[in-house]
PDB file of N, CA and C in Angstrom:
ATOM      1  N   ARG A   1       0.812  -1.194   0.000  1.00  0.00           N
ATOM      2  CA  ARG A   1       0.000   0.000   0.000  1.00  0.00           C
ATOM      3  C   ARG A   1       0.857   1.260   0.000  1.00  0.00           C
ATOM      4  N   SER A   2       1.837   1.368   0.847  1.00  0.00           N
ATOM      5  CA  SER A   2       2.682   2.544   0.902  1.00  0.00           C
ATOM      6  C   SER A   2       3.531   2.672  -0.361  1.00  0.00           C
ATOM      7  N   PHE A   3       3.811   1.494  -0.997  1.00  0.00           N
ATOM      8  CA  PHE A   3       4.566   1.554  -2.250  1.00  0.00           C
ATOM      9  C   PHE A   3       3.743   2.201  -3.357  1.00  0.00           C
ATOM     10  N   LYS A   4       2.445   1.949  -3.336  1.00  0.00           N
ATOM     11  CA  LYS A   4       1.552   2.552  -4.320  1.00  0.00           C
ATOM     12  C   LYS A   4       1.512   4.065  -4.123  1.00  0.00           C
ATOM     13  N   ILE A   5       1.441   4.475  -2.877  1.00  0.00           N
ATOM     14  CA  ILE A   5       1.405   5.910  -2.565  1.00  0.00           C
ATOM     15  C   ILE A   5       2.713   6.559  -3.011  1.00  0.00           C
ATOM     16  N   GLN A   6       3.832   5.870  -2.722  1.00  0.00           N
ATOM     17  CA  GLN A   6       5.131   6.419  -3.119  1.00  0.00           C
ATOM     18  C   GLN A   6       5.244   6.467  -4.643  1.00  0.00           C
ATOM     19  N   ASP A   7       4.695   5.483  -5.318  1.00  0.00           N
ATOM     20  CA  ASP A   7       4.718   5.453  -6.777  1.00  0.00           C
ATOM     21  C   ASP A   7       3.901   6.610  -7.356  1.00  0.00           C
ATOM     22  N   VAL A   8       2.717   6.841  -6.788  1.00  0.00           N
ATOM     23  CA  VAL A   8       1.862   7.954  -7.234  1.00  0.00           C
ATOM     24  C   VAL A   8       2.560   9.283  -6.980  1.00  0.00           C
ATOM     25  N   LEU A   9       3.180   9.412  -5.805  1.00  0.00           N
ATOM     26  CA  LEU A   9       3.885  10.649  -5.490  1.00  0.00           C
ATOM     27  C   LEU A   9       5.076  10.859  -6.427  1.00  0.00           C
ATOM     28  N   ALA A  10       5.756   9.800  -6.779  1.00  0.00           N
ATOM     29  CA  ALA A  10       6.890   9.904  -7.706  1.00  0.00           C
ATOM     30  C   ALA A  10       6.414  10.357  -9.083  1.00  0.00           C
ATOM     31  N   LYS A  11       5.282   9.797  -9.538  1.00  0.00           N
ATOM     32  CA  LYS A  11       4.711  10.203 -10.826  1.00  0.00           C
ATOM     33  C   LYS A  11       4.287  11.670 -10.793  1.00  0.00           C
ATOM     34  N   LEU A  12       3.681  12.062  -9.678  1.00  0.00           N
ATOM     35  CA  LEU A  12       3.285  13.474  -9.530  1.00  0.00           C
ATOM     36  C   LEU A  12       4.502  14.389  -9.583  1.00  0.00           C
ATOM     37  N   LEU A  13       5.566  13.991  -8.906  1.00  0.00           N
ATOM     38  CA  LEU A  13       6.788  14.784  -8.907  1.00  0.00           C
ATOM     39  C   LEU A  13       7.348  14.894 -10.324  1.00  0.00           C
ATOM     40  N   GLU A  14       7.332  13.785 -11.057  1.00  0.00           N
ATOM     41  CA  GLU A  14       7.805  13.785 -12.440  1.00  0.00           C
ATOM     42  C   GLU A  14       6.962  14.725 -13.295  1.00  0.00           C
ATOM     43  N   THR A  15       5.649  14.622 -13.140  1.00  0.00           N
ATOM     44  CA  THR A  15       4.737  15.468 -13.906  1.00  0.00           C
ATOM     45  C   THR A  15       4.962  16.942 -13.581  1.00  0.00           C
ATOM     46  N   PHE A  16       5.066  17.248 -12.292  1.00  0.00           N
ATOM     47  CA  PHE A  16       5.298  18.635 -11.889  1.00  0.00           C
ATOM     48  C   PHE A  16       6.623  19.166 -12.438  1.00  0.00           C
ATOM     49  N   ALA A  17       7.650  18.334 -12.420  1.00  0.00           N
ATOM     50  CA  ALA A  17       8.963  18.751 -12.914  1.00  0.00           C
ATOM     51  C   ALA A  17       8.914  19.033 -14.415  1.00  0.00           C
ATOM     52  N   SER A  18       8.281  18.137 -15.169  1.00  0.00           N
ATOM     53  CA  SER A  18       8.203  18.345 -16.613  1.00  0.00           C
ATOM     54  C   SER A  18       7.321  19.558 -16.945  1.00  0.00           C
ATOM     55  N   ASP A  19       6.219  19.744 -16.199  1.00  0.00           N
ATOM     56  CA  ASP A  19       5.361  20.905 -16.394  1.00  0.00           C
ATOM     57  C   ASP A  19       6.119  22.196 -16.077  1.00  0.00           C
ATOM     58  N   LEU A  20       6.934  22.159 -15.045  1.00  0.00           N
ATOM     59  CA  LEU A  20       7.730  23.325 -14.668  1.00  0.00           C
ATOM     60  C   LEU A  20       8.724  23.666 -15.781  1.00  0.00           C
ATOM     61  N   GLN A  21       9.366  22.654 -16.358  1.00  0.00           N
ATOM     62  CA  GLN A  21      10.308  22.898 -17.453  1.00  0.00           C
ATOM     63  C   GLN A  21       9.594  23.515 -18.651  1.00  0.00           C
ATOM     64  N   GLU A  22       8.444  22.972 -19.000  1.00  0.00           N
ATOM     65  CA  GLU A  22       7.663  23.513 -20.113  1.00  0.00           C
ATOM     66  C   GLU A  22       7.254  24.949 -19.845  1.00  0.00           C
ATOM     67  N   ALA A  23       6.752  25.214 -18.648  1.00  0.00           N
ATOM     68  CA  ALA A  23       6.309  26.561 -18.295  1.00  0.00           C
ATOM     69  C   ALA A  23       7.480  27.529 -18.320  1.00  0.00           C
ATOM     70  N   THR A  24       8.634  27.079 -17.859  1.00  0.00           N
ATOM     71  CA  THR A  24       9.827  27.937 -17.859  1.00  0.00           C
ATOM     72  C   THR A  24      10.234  28.273 -19.286  1.00  0.00           C
ATOM     73  N   LYS A  25      10.229  27.277 -20.178  1.00  0.00           N
ATOM     74  CA  LYS A  25      10.580  27.517 -21.575  1.00  0.00           C
ATOM     75  C   LYS A  25       9.603  28.497 -22.224  1.00  0.00           C
ATOM     76  N   LYS A  26       8.307  28.290 -21.969  1.00  0.00           N
ATOM     77  CA  LYS A  26       7.294  29.185 -22.537  1.00  0.00           C
ATOM     78  C   LYS A  26       7.473  30.603 -22.008  1.00  0.00           C
ATOM     79  N   GLU A  27       7.754  30.727 -20.735  1.00  0.00           N
ATOM     80  CA  GLU A  27       7.945  32.044 -20.122  1.00  0.00           C
ATOM     81  C   GLU A  27       9.169  32.746 -20.714  1.00  0.00           C
ATOM     82  N   GLU A  28      10.267  31.991 -20.900  1.00  0.00           N
ATOM     83  CA  GLU A  28      11.469  32.575 -21.490  1.00  0.00           C
ATOM     84  C   GLU A  28      11.204  33.040 -22.916  1.00  0.00           C
ATOM     85  N   ALA A  29      10.449  32.240 -23.677  1.00  0.00           N
ATOM     86  CA  ALA A  29      10.106  32.625 -25.049  1.00  0.00           C
ATOM     87  C   ALA A  29       9.225  33.872 -25.052  1.00  0.00           C
ATOM     88  N   ALA A  30       8.285  33.927 -24.116  1.00  0.00           N
ATOM     89  CA  ALA A  30       7.399  35.082 -24.030  1.00  0.00           C
ATOM     90  C   ALA A  30       8.181  36.339 -23.656  1.00  0.00           C
ATOM     91  N   VAL A  31       9.127  36.219 -22.730  1.00  0.00           N
ATOM     92  CA  VAL A  31       9.947  37.361 -22.324  1.00  0.00           C
ATOM     93  C   VAL A  31      10.801  37.835 -23.504  1.00  0.00           C
ATOM     94  N   GLU A  32      11.369  36.900 -24.249  1.00  0.00           N
ATOM     95  CA  GLU A  32      12.188  37.254 -25.409  1.00  0.00           C
ATOM     96  C   GLU A  32      11.336  37.976 -26.462  1.00  0.00           C
ATOM     97  N   LEU A  33      10.146  37.448 -26.713  1.00  0.00           N
ATOM     98  CA  LEU A  33       9.242  38.071 -27.667  1.00  0.00           C
ATOM     99  C   LEU A  33       8.838  39.470 -27.196  1.00  0.00           C
ATOM    100  N   TYR A  34       8.563  39.606 -25.911  1.00  0.00           N
ATOM    101  CA  TYR A  34       8.195  40.899 -25.341  1.00  0.00           C
ATOM    102  C   TYR A  34       9.333  41.904 -25.514  1.00  0.00           C
ATOM    103  N   ASN A  35      10.554  41.480 -25.242  1.00  0.00           N
ATOM    104  CA  ASN A  35      11.699  42.379 -25.369  1.00  0.00           C
ATOM    105  C   ASN A  35      11.890  42.832 -26.815  1.00  0.00           C
ATOM    106  N   LYS A  36      11.730  41.910 -27.766  1.00  0.00           N
ATOM    107  CA  LYS A  36      11.841  42.279 -29.181  1.00  0.00           C
ATOM    108  C   LYS A  36      10.747  43.268 -29.559  1.00  0.00           C
ATOM    109  N   LEU A  37       9.549  43.001 -29.100  1.00  0.00           N
ATOM    110  CA  LEU A  37       8.424  43.877 -29.400  1.00  0.00           C
ATOM    111  C   LEU A  37       8.642  45.271 -28.817  1.00  0.00           C
ATOM    112  N   MET A  38       9.102  45.327 -27.581  1.00  0.00           N
ATOM    113  CA  MET A  38       9.342  46.622 -26.940  1.00  0.00           C
ATOM    114  C   MET A  38      10.450  47.395 -27.652  1.00  0.00           C
ATOM    115  N   GLU A  39      11.468  46.688 -28.103  1.00  0.00           N
ATOM    116  CA  GLU A  39      12.552  47.337 -28.848  1.00  0.00           C
ATOM    117  C   GLU A  39      12.011  47.911 -30.156  1.00  0.00           C
ATOM    118  N   SER A  40      11.213  47.123 -30.836  1.00  0.00           N
ATOM    119  CA  SER A  40      10.617  47.564 -32.096  1.00  0.00           C
ATOM    120  C   SER A  40       9.696  48.755 -31.879  1.00  0.00           C
ATOM    121  N   LYS A  41       8.847  48.662 -30.875  1.00  0.00           N
ATOM    122  CA  LYS A  41       7.903  49.756 -30.589  1.00  0.00           C
ATOM    123  C   LYS A  41       8.637  51.011 -30.119  1.00  0.00           C
ATOM    124  N   GLY A  42       9.736  50.835 -29.392  1.00  0.00           N
ATOM    125  CA  GLY A  42      10.532  51.986 -28.958  1.00  0.00           C
ATOM    126  C   GLY A  42      11.124  52.719 -30.147  1.00  0.00           C
ATOM    127  N   ALA A  43      11.633  51.963 -31.111  1.00  0.00           N
ATOM    128  CA  ALA A  43      12.178  52.574 -32.324  1.00  0.00           C
ATOM    129  C   ALA A  43      11.072  53.263 -33.118  1.00  0.00           C
ATOM    130  N   GLU A  44       9.917  52.628 -33.180  1.00  0.00           N
ATOM    131  CA  GLU A  44       8.776  53.206 -33.884  1.00  0.00           C
ATOM    132  C   GLU A  44       8.335  54.506 -33.220  1.00  0.00           C
ATOM    133  N   LYS A  45       8.315  54.511 -31.904  1.00  0.00           N
ATOM    134  CA  LYS A  45       7.925  55.704 -31.161  1.00  0.00           C
ATOM    135  C   LYS A  45       8.926  56.831 -31.398  1.00  0.00           C
ATOM    136  N   ALA A  46      10.204  56.502 -31.381  1.00  0.00           N
ATOM    137  CA  ALA A  46      11.235  57.515 -31.603  1.00  0.00           C
ATOM    138  C   ALA A  46      11.110  58.130 -32.994  1.00  0.00           C
ATOM    139  N   SER A  47      10.870  57.290 -33.995  1.00  0.00           N
ATOM    140  CA  SER A  47      10.732  57.829 -35.353  1.00  0.00           C
ATOM    141  C   SER A  47       9.455  58.665 -35.478  1.00  0.00           C
ATOM    142  N   ALA A  48       8.396  58.278 -34.800  1.00  0.00           N
ATOM    143  CA  ALA A  48       7.160  59.060 -34.830  1.00  0.00           C
ATOM    144  C   ALA A  48       7.363  60.411 -34.141  1.00  0.00           C
ATOM    145  N   GLN A  49       8.107  60.426 -33.046  1.00  0.00           N
ATOM    146  CA  GLN A  49       8.370  61.683 -32.352  1.00  0.00           C
ATOM    147  C   GLN A  49       9.242  62.595 -33.214  1.00  0.00           C
ATOM    148  N   ASP A  50      10.231  62.023 -33.908  1.00  0.00           N
ATOM    149  CA  ASP A  50      11.054  62.823 -34.815  1.00  0.00           C
ATOM    150  C   ASP A  50      10.212  63.422 -35.923  1.00  0.00           C
ATOM    151  N   ALA A  51       9.332  62.604 -36.487  1.00  0.00           N
ATOM    152  CA  ALA A  51       8.464  63.078 -37.560  1.00  0.00           C
ATOM    153  C   ALA A  51       7.546  64.184 -37.054  1.00  0.00           C
ATOM    154  N   LEU A  52       7.045  64.031 -35.845  1.00  0.00           N
ATOM    155  CA  LEU A  52       6.172  65.047 -35.268  1.00  0.00           C
ATOM    156  C   LEU A  52       6.932  66.351 -35.060  1.00  0.00           C
ATOM    157  N   ALA A  53       8.156  66.270 -34.583  1.00  0.00           N
ATOM    158  CA  ALA A  53       8.966  67.470 -34.385  1.00  0.00           C
ATOM    159  C   ALA A  53       9.219  68.173 -35.720  1.00  0.00           C
ATOM    160  N   LYS A  54       9.483  67.392 -36.763  1.00  0.00           N
ATOM    161  CA  LYS A  54       9.699  67.980 -38.089  1.00  0.00           C
ATOM    162  C   LYS A  54       8.428  68.634 -38.600  1.00  0.00           C
ATOM    163  N   MET A  55       7.282  67.993 -38.326  1.00  0.00           N
ATOM    164  CA  MET A  55       6.007  68.555 -38.784  1.00  0.00           C
ATOM    165  C   MET A  55       5.693  69.860 -38.074  1.00  0.00           C
ATOM    166  N   GLU A  56       6.071  69.974 -36.796  1.00  0.00           N
ATOM    167  CA  GLU A  56       5.820  71.214 -36.074  1.00  0.00           C
ATOM    168  C   GLU A  56       6.625  72.351 -36.694  1.00  0.00           C
ATOM    169  N   LYS A  57       7.875  72.063 -37.058  1.00  0.00           N
ATOM    170  CA  LYS A  57       8.696  73.080 -37.718  1.00  0.00           C
ATOM    171  C   LYS A  57       8.110  73.438 -39.065  1.00  0.00           C
ATOM    172  N   GLU A  58       7.705  72.407 -39.802  1.00  0.00           N
ATOM    173  CA  GLU A  58       7.143  72.620 -41.126  1.00  0.00           C
ATOM    174  C   GLU A  58       5.792  73.335 -41.036  1.00  0.00           C
ATOM    175  N   GLY A  59       5.063  73.059 -39.950  1.00  0.00           N
ATOM    176  CA  GLY A  59       3.757  73.684 -39.756  1.00  0.00           C
ATOM    177  C   GLY A  59       3.862  75.191 -39.657  1.00  0.00           C
ATOM    178  N   GLY A  60       4.922  75.696 -39.035  1.00  0.00           N
ATOM    179  CA  GLY A  60       5.119  77.139 -38.947  1.00  0.00           C
ATOM    180  C   GLY A  60       5.305  77.737 -40.326  1.00  0.00           C
ATOM    181  N   ALA A  61       6.078  77.070 -41.157  1.00  0.00           N
ATOM    182  CA  ALA A  61       6.278  77.545 -42.526  1.00  0.00           C
ATOM    183  C   ALA A  61       4.972  77.459 -43.310  1.00  0.00           C
ATOM    184  N   ARG A  62       4.204  76.415 -43.056  1.00  0.00           N
ATOM    185  CA  ARG A  62       2.913  76.291 -43.733  1.00  0.00           C
ATOM    186  C   ARG A  62       1.965  77.390 -43.308  1.00  0.00           C
ATOM    187  N   GLY A  63       2.072  77.812 -42.047  1.00  0.00           N
ATOM    188  CA  GLY A  63       1.211  78.890 -41.566  1.00  0.00           C
ATOM    189  C   GLY A  63       1.431  80.154 -42.374  1.00  0.00           C
ATOM    190  N   MET A  64       2.697  80.467 -42.648  1.00  0.00           N
ATOM    191  CA  MET A  64       3.001  81.631 -43.472  1.00  0.00           C
ATOM    192  C   MET A  64       2.457  81.420 -44.877  1.00  0.00           C
ATOM    193  N   SER A  65       2.653  80.253 -45.409  1.00  0.00           N
ATOM    194  CA  SER A  65       2.172  79.963 -46.751  1.00  0.00           C
ATOM    195  C   SER A  65       0.654  80.043 -46.806  1.00  0.00           C
ATOM    196  N   ARG A  66       0.002  79.602 -45.753  1.00  0.00           N
ATOM    197  CA  ARG A  66      -1.456  79.646 -45.714  1.00  0.00           C
ATOM    198  C   ARG A  66      -1.946  81.089 -45.766  1.00  0.00           C
ATOM    199  N   GLU A  67      -1.290  81.978 -45.021  1.00  0.00           N
ATOM    200  CA  GLU A  67      -1.674  83.393 -45.039  1.00  0.00           C
ATOM    201  C   GLU A  67      -1.460  83.985 -46.428  1.00  0.00           C
ATOM    202  N   GLU A  68      -0.319  83.648 -47.025  1.00  0.00           N
ATOM    203  CA  GLU A  68      -0.040  84.145 -48.369  1.00  0.00           C
ATOM    204  C   GLU A  68      -1.059  83.596 -49.357  1.00  0.00           C
ATOM    205  N   SER A  69      -1.396  82.326 -49.219  1.00  0.00           N
ATOM    206  CA  SER A  69      -2.369  81.703 -50.117  1.00  0.00           C
ATOM    207  C   SER A  69      -3.746  82.336 -49.960  1.00  0.00           C
ATOM    208  N   LYS A  70      -4.108  82.646 -48.730  1.00  0.00           N
ATOM    209  CA  LYS A  70      -5.409  83.278 -48.481  1.00  0.00           C
ATOM    210  C   LYS A  70      -5.460  84.654 -49.128  1.00  0.00           C
ATOM    211  N   ALA A  71      -4.376  85.418 -49.002  1.00  0.00           N
ATOM    212  CA  ALA A  71      -4.325  86.744 -49.618  1.00  0.00           C
ATOM    213  C   ALA A  71      -4.416  86.615 -51.136  1.00  0.00           C
ATOM    214  N   GLU A  72      -3.723  85.649 -51.708  1.00  0.00           N
ATOM    215  CA  GLU A  72      -3.764  85.446 -53.152  1.00  0.00           C
ATOM    216  C   GLU A  72      -5.164  85.026 -53.596  1.00  0.00           C
ATOM    217  N   LEU A  73      -5.803  84.163 -52.815  1.00  0.00           N
ATOM    218  CA  LEU A  73      -7.161  83.727 -53.127  1.00  0.00           C
ATOM    219  C   LEU A  73      -8.123  84.913 -53.120  1.00  0.00           C
ATOM    220  N   ASP A  74      -7.995  85.770 -52.117  1.00  0.00           N
ATOM    221  CA  ASP A  74      -8.843  86.967 -52.058  1.00  0.00           C
ATOM    222  C   ASP A  74      -8.627  87.853 -53.273  1.00  0.00           C
ATOM    223  N   ALA A  75      -7.356  88.040 -53.645  1.00  0.00           N
ATOM    224  CA  ALA A  75      -7.042  88.875 -54.811  1.00  0.00           C
ATOM    225  C   ALA A  75      -7.631  88.264 -56.075  1.00  0.00           C
ATOM    226  N   LEU A  76      -7.515  86.958 -56.231  1.00  0.00           N
ATOM    227  CA  LEU A  76      -8.058  86.296 -57.416  1.00  0.00           C
ATOM    228  C   LEU A  76      -9.587  86.360 -57.444  1.00  0.00           C
ATOM    229  N   THR A  77     -10.217  86.258 -56.285  1.00  0.00           N
ATOM    230  CA  THR A  77     -11.675  86.360 -56.218  1.00  0.00           C
ATOM    231  C   THR A  77     -12.127  87.746 -56.668  1.00  0.00           C
ATOM    232  N   ASP A  78     -11.417  88.776 -56.216  1.00  0.00           N
ATOM    233  CA  ASP A  78     -11.729  90.144 -56.647  1.00  0.00           C
ATOM    234  C   ASP A  78     -11.526  90.287 -58.153  1.00  0.00           C
ATOM    235  N   GLN A  79     -10.450  89.714 -58.669  1.00  0.00           N
ATOM    236  CA  GLN A  79     -10.165  89.808 -60.100  1.00  0.00           C
ATOM    237  C   GLN A  79     -11.258  89.121 -60.907  1.00  0.00           C
ATOM    238  N   ILE A  80     -11.747  87.976 -60.424  1.00  0.00           N
ATOM    239  CA  ILE A  80     -12.818  87.258 -61.133  1.00  0.00           C
ATOM    240  C   ILE A  80     -14.082  88.110 -61.167  1.00  0.00           C
ATOM    241  N   ALA A  81     -14.406  88.736 -60.040  1.00  0.00           N
ATOM    242  CA  ALA A  81     -15.591  89.592 -59.991  1.00  0.00           C
ATOM    243  C   ALA A  81     -15.444  90.750 -60.983  1.00  0.00           C
ATOM    244  N   ASN A  82     -14.274  91.363 -61.017  1.00  0.00           N
ATOM    245  CA  ASN A  82     -14.039  92.473 -61.955  1.00  0.00           C
ATOM    246  C   ASN A  82     -14.110  91.994 -63.399  1.00  0.00           C
ATOM    247  N   ASP A  83     -13.554  90.817 -63.677  1.00  0.00           N
ATOM    248  CA  ASP A  83     -13.601  90.267 -65.029  1.00  0.00           C
ATOM    249  C   ASP A  83     -15.031  89.981 -65.463  1.00  0.00           C
ATOM    250  N   GLU A  84     -15.829  89.461 -64.543  1.00  0.00           N
ATOM    251  CA  GLU A  84     -17.236  89.188 -64.880  1.00  0.00           C
ATOM    252  C   GLU A  84     -17.981  90.481 -65.206  1.00  0.00           C
ATOM    253  N   LYS A  85     -17.706  91.557 -64.451  1.00  0.00           N
ATOM    254  CA  LYS A  85     -18.318  92.861 -64.747  1.00  0.00           C
ATOM    255  C   LYS A  85     -17.890  93.345 -66.130  1.00  0.00           C
ATOM    256  N   TYR A  86     -16.606  93.195 -66.432  1.00  0.00           N
ATOM    257  CA  TYR A  86     -16.079  93.623 -67.726  1.00  0.00           C
ATOM    258  C   TYR A  86     -16.736  92.842 -68.861  1.00  0.00           C
ATOM    259  N   ILE A  87     -16.868  91.518 -68.681  1.00  0.00           N
ATOM    260  CA  ILE A  87     -17.503  90.688 -69.712  1.00  0.00           C
ATOM    261  C   ILE A  87     -18.943  91.128 -69.923  1.00  0.00           C
ATOM    262  N   GLU A  88     -19.634  91.421 -68.854  1.00  0.00           N
ATOM    263  CA  GLU A  88     -21.020  91.878 -68.952  1.00  0.00           C
ATOM    264  C   GLU A  88     -21.097  93.194 -69.723  1.00  0.00           C
ATOM    265  N   GLU A  89     -20.203  94.130 -69.430  1.00  0.00           N
ATOM    266  CA  GLU A  89     -20.184  95.424 -70.131  1.00  0.00           C
ATOM    267  C   GLU A  89     -19.869  95.235 -71.617  1.00  0.00           C
ATOM    268  N   VAL A  90     -18.906  94.370 -71.919  1.00  0.00           N
ATOM    269  CA  VAL A  90     -18.539  94.124 -73.311  1.00  0.00           C
ATOM    270  C   VAL A  90     -19.701  93.468 -74.046  1.00  0.00           C
ATOM    271  N   THR A  91     -20.404  92.559 -73.400  1.00  0.00           N
ATOM    272  CA  THR A  91     -21.551  91.897 -74.022  1.00  0.00           C
ATOM    273  C   THR A  91     -22.653  92.916 -74.329  1.00  0.00           C
ATOM    274  N   LYS A  92     -22.914  93.820 -73.387  1.00  0.00           N
ATOM    275  CA  LYS A  92     -23.919  94.876 -73.618  1.00  0.00           C
ATOM    276  C   LYS A  92     -23.486  95.784 -74.762  1.00  0.00           C
ATOM    277  N   SER A  93     -22.206  96.144 -74.757  1.00  0.00           N
ATOM    278  CA  SER A  93     -21.682  97.010 -75.809  1.00  0.00           C
ATOM    279  C   SER A  93     -21.784  96.325 -77.162  1.00  0.00           C
ATOM    280  N   GLN A  94     -21.493  95.053 -77.217  1.00  0.00           N
ATOM    281  CA  GLN A  94     -21.583  94.311 -78.474  1.00  0.00           C
ATOM    282  C   GLN A  94     -23.027  94.277 -78.957  1.00  0.00           C
ATOM    283  N   ALA A  95     -23.960  94.054 -78.021  1.00  0.00           N
ATOM    284  CA  ALA A  95     -25.379  94.018 -78.395  1.00  0.00           C
ATOM    285  C   ALA A  95     -25.804  95.381 -78.947  1.00  0.00           C
ATOM    286  N   GLU A  96     -25.352  96.463 -78.334  1.00  0.00           N
ATOM    287  CA  GLU A  96     -25.686  97.812 -78.819  1.00  0.00           C
ATOM    288  C   GLU A  96     -25.082  98.053 -80.195  1.00  0.00           C
ATOM    289  N   LYS A  97     -23.822  97.678 -80.381  1.00  0.00           N
ATOM    290  CA  LYS A  97     -23.161  97.868 -81.676  1.00  0.00           C
ATOM    291  C   LYS A  97     -23.845  97.038 -82.752  1.00  0.00           C
ATOM    292  N   THR A  98     -24.231  95.810 -82.419  1.00  0.00           N
ATOM    293  CA  THR A  98     -24.920  94.955 -83.377  1.00  0.00           C
ATOM    294  C   THR A  98     -26.236  95.591 -83.788  1.00  0.00           C
ATOM    295  N   GLN A  99     -26.955  96.136 -82.830  1.00  0.00           N
ATOM    296  CA  GLN A  99     -28.235  96.801 -83.108  1.00  0.00           C
ATOM    297  C   GLN A  99     -28.014  98.020 -84.000  1.00  0.00           C
ATOM    298  N   GLU A 100     -26.970  98.797 -83.730  1.00  0.00           N
ATOM    299  CA  GLU A 100     -26.666  99.979 -84.541  1.00  0.00           C
ATOM    300  C   GLU A 100     -26.332  99.565 -85.968  1.00  0.00           C
ATOM    301  N   TRP A 101     -25.589  98.491 -86.155  1.00  0.00           N
ATOM    302  CA  TRP A 101     -25.218  98.044 -87.492  1.00  0.00           C
ATOM    303  C   TRP A 101     -26.439  97.524 -88.252  1.00  0.00           C
ATOM    304  N   LYS A 102     -27.378  96.919 -87.526  1.00  0.00           N
ATOM    305  CA  LYS A 102     -28.584  96.437 -88.183  1.00  0.00           C
ATOM    306  C   LYS A 102     -29.434  97.599 -88.663  1.00  0.00           C
ATOM    307  N   GLU A 103     -29.452  98.681 -87.897  1.00  0.00           N
ATOM    308  CA  GLU A 103     -30.258  99.849 -88.250  1.00  0.00           C
ATOM    309  C   GLU A 103     -29.671 100.594 -89.439  1.00  0.00           C
ATOM    310  N   ARG A 104     -28.427 100.500 -89.732  1.00  0.00           N
ATOM    311  CA  ARG A 104     -27.794 101.203 -90.857  1.00  0.00           C
ATOM    312  C   ARG A 104     -28.162 100.585 -92.122  1.00  0.00           C
TER     313      ARG A 104
END
């Protein structure tokens, strides 16, 4: 009877030992994978921060360009309005001249 108990306990010890080895291997693999991932993400974060810093510098230059573009847009809008008035006047003048030529 006690031999059976000792045999069961020996099997349990064997099982626990092999399970511990497996768990240790899995844990080591997980830690290695985590470290690689963190290294990769750290590099990604650094490059994103560099890009953001460059964009902030570039954004200031864009701000000036935006103001210049807005002023140019306003000037072009005024020019279009003036051109439309001119076209309307020329069209009226042409209609009057055509009428005068028909009457002759």
